[in-house]
Amino acid sequence: MFDPTRPLPERSEQDWSQTLTPEQYHVMRERGTEPAFTGKYWNEHRAGMYRCAACGAELFSSETKFDSGTGWPSFTEPANRAHVELVEDRSHGMVRTEVRCKACGSHLGHVFPDGPGPSGTRFCINSCALSLDPGKAQD
């Protein structure tokens, strides 16, 4: 389990390719995207904490999950802002903000300024980059 007080050991891309599924490797290490409405969490309604599928860092609480209609799990904010890193992404002829796991550097998805509530943000995250820890949504 992820321990925020201990730094993660460096891992090679070969290590990641042996640890992650091919889909996870493509999304999380090569900055890919899973097709909409295909991931296991886009229509998930159980309470719990969504963790990084690569390292276990706590990323998003089910308490901030909402149905964006996009086909990907969407959240209004991270469970702990210190566990995510926001990076400018100019790929595919667009300017977007990429969301990465700060602990292991894995690509999670993107954040957009079209979400509900006071924050107005939508963290659009690939299901395969997440692992749901059912139960308590916040520590």
Protein backbone atom coordinates (compact mmCIF):
# COMPACT_ATOMS: atom_id res chain seq x y z
CA MET A 1 0.00 0.00 0.00
CA PHE A 2 1.11 3.54 -0.72
CA ASP A 3 2.95 5.31 2.08
CA PRO A 4 3.25 9.07 1.36
CA THR A 5 6.13 9.39 3.82
CA ARG A 6 8.37 7.01 1.83
CA PRO A 7 9.65 7.91 -1.65
CA LEU A 8 9.00 5.33 -4.34
CA PRO A 9 11.98 3.52 -5.82
CA GLU A 10 12.88 4.41 -9.39
CA ARG A 11 11.45 1.97 -11.92
CA SER A 12 12.50 1.40 -15.50
CA GLU A 13 9.99 1.32 -18.34
CA GLN A 14 10.75 -2.39 -18.63
CA ASP A 15 9.69 -2.81 -14.99
CA TRP A 16 6.49 -0.89 -15.66
CA SER A 17 5.74 -2.98 -18.76
CA GLN A 18 6.04 -6.15 -16.68
CA THR A 19 3.93 -4.77 -13.80
CA LEU A 20 1.07 -3.12 -15.70
CA THR A 21 -1.34 -4.68 -18.17
CA PRO A 22 -0.75 -3.69 -21.81
CA GLU A 23 -3.70 -1.26 -21.63
CA GLN A 24 -2.45 0.27 -18.38
CA TYR A 25 1.05 0.62 -19.78
CA HIS A 26 -0.24 2.36 -22.91
CA VAL A 27 -2.40 4.78 -20.91
CA MET A 28 -0.23 5.36 -17.85
CA ARG A 29 3.28 5.31 -19.31
CA GLU A 30 2.69 6.27 -22.97
CA ARG A 31 -0.01 8.88 -22.18
CA GLY A 32 -2.75 7.05 -24.08
CA THR A 33 -6.51 7.12 -23.54
CA GLU A 34 -8.92 4.24 -23.14
CA PRO A 35 -12.05 4.40 -25.34
CA ALA A 36 -15.06 6.16 -23.78
CA PHE A 37 -17.68 3.97 -22.04
CA THR A 38 -15.32 0.95 -21.90
CA GLY A 39 -13.49 1.34 -18.58
CA LYS A 40 -14.62 -0.48 -15.46
CA TYR A 41 -15.25 2.67 -13.39
CA TRP A 42 -17.09 5.08 -15.71
CA ASN A 43 -20.44 3.79 -14.36
CA GLU A 44 -19.25 2.74 -10.88
CA HIS A 45 -21.36 3.91 -7.93
CA ARG A 46 -19.80 2.20 -4.89
CA ALA A 47 -18.25 4.34 -2.18
CA GLY A 48 -14.52 4.21 -1.80
CA MET A 49 -11.12 5.66 -2.54
CA TYR A 50 -9.74 5.56 -6.07
CA ARG A 51 -6.01 4.86 -5.96
CA CYS A 52 -3.30 4.94 -8.61
CA ALA A 53 -3.30 1.53 -10.29
CA ALA A 54 0.50 1.69 -10.56
CA CYS A 55 1.59 2.73 -7.06
CA GLY A 56 -1.48 2.83 -4.80
CA ALA A 57 -1.46 6.56 -4.03
CA GLU A 58 -4.84 7.92 -2.90
CA LEU A 59 -6.13 10.04 -5.76
CA PHE A 60 -9.90 10.56 -5.82
CA SER A 61 -12.77 9.97 -3.41
CA SER A 62 -16.10 8.60 -4.61
CA GLU A 63 -17.60 11.58 -2.75
CA THR A 64 -16.38 13.86 -5.57
CA LYS A 65 -17.27 11.50 -8.46
CA PHE A 66 -20.06 12.58 -10.80
CA ASP A 67 -21.62 11.47 -14.09
CA SER A 68 -20.20 13.80 -16.72
CA GLY A 69 -21.77 11.89 -19.61
CA THR A 70 -18.34 11.57 -21.22
CA GLY A 71 -17.77 7.84 -20.61
CA TRP A 72 -14.81 8.27 -18.26
CA PRO A 73 -14.79 8.52 -14.46
CA SER A 74 -15.06 12.20 -13.57
CA PHE A 75 -14.28 13.93 -10.29
CA THR A 76 -14.59 17.54 -9.12
CA GLU A 77 -11.29 17.43 -7.21
CA PRO A 78 -8.55 15.09 -6.01
CA ALA A 79 -8.79 13.54 -2.54
CA ASN A 80 -5.37 15.02 -1.81
CA ARG A 81 -4.09 17.70 -4.19
CA ALA A 82 -0.50 16.84 -3.18
CA HIS A 83 -0.89 13.40 -4.79
CA VAL A 84 -1.55 14.73 -8.31
CA GLU A 85 0.54 16.81 -10.64
CA LEU A 86 -0.95 19.06 -13.33
CA VAL A 87 1.13 19.49 -16.50
CA GLU A 88 0.49 21.45 -19.70
CA ASP A 89 -0.23 19.06 -22.58
CA ARG A 90 0.11 20.38 -26.14
CA SER A 91 -0.31 17.01 -27.89
CA HIS A 92 -2.83 16.30 -30.65
CA GLY A 93 -3.04 19.97 -31.68
CA MET A 94 -4.73 21.00 -28.42
CA VAL A 95 -3.74 22.72 -25.22
CA ARG A 96 -4.97 20.74 -22.23
CA THR A 97 -3.95 20.09 -18.66
CA GLU A 98 -2.68 16.57 -18.04
CA VAL A 99 -3.20 14.91 -14.66
CA ARG A 100 -0.36 12.68 -13.40
CA CYS A 101 0.18 10.71 -10.24
CA LYS A 102 2.78 12.75 -8.39
CA ALA A 103 4.23 9.68 -6.66
CA CYS A 104 5.04 7.61 -9.76
CA GLY A 105 4.57 10.01 -12.68
CA SER A 106 1.88 7.93 -14.35
CA HIS A 107 -0.57 9.61 -16.73
CA LEU A 108 -4.10 9.52 -15.31
CA GLY A 109 -6.14 11.72 -17.65
CA HIS A 110 -6.89 15.43 -18.05
CA VAL A 111 -8.64 18.20 -16.13
CA PHE A 112 -11.13 20.53 -17.83
CA PRO A 113 -12.87 23.76 -16.70
CA ASP A 114 -16.40 22.44 -17.35
CA GLY A 115 -17.28 20.62 -14.14
CA PRO A 116 -20.09 21.23 -11.69
CA GLY A 117 -20.10 23.08 -8.39
CA PRO A 118 -17.93 25.85 -7.08
CA SER A 119 -14.66 24.45 -8.43
CA GLY A 120 -15.97 24.16 -11.98
CA THR A 121 -13.39 21.46 -12.69
CA ARG A 122 -13.78 18.01 -14.22
CA PHE A 123 -10.94 15.59 -13.62
CA CYS A 124 -11.52 13.16 -16.50
CA ILE A 125 -9.58 10.02 -15.54
CA ASN A 126 -8.97 6.72 -17.33
CA SER A 127 -10.48 3.75 -15.48
CA CYS A 128 -7.44 1.58 -16.10
CA ALA A 129 -5.28 4.13 -14.26
CA LEU A 130 -7.38 3.63 -11.13
CA SER A 131 -7.99 0.94 -8.55
CA LEU A 132 -11.08 1.30 -6.36
CA ASP A 133 -10.57 0.61 -2.67
CA PRO A 134 -14.23 0.09 -1.67
CA GLY A 135 -15.57 1.34 1.62
CA LYS A 136 -14.49 4.54 3.26
CA ALA A 137 -14.24 7.35 0.72
CA GLN A 138 -12.10 9.65 2.89
CA ASP A 139 -9.64 9.05 5.72
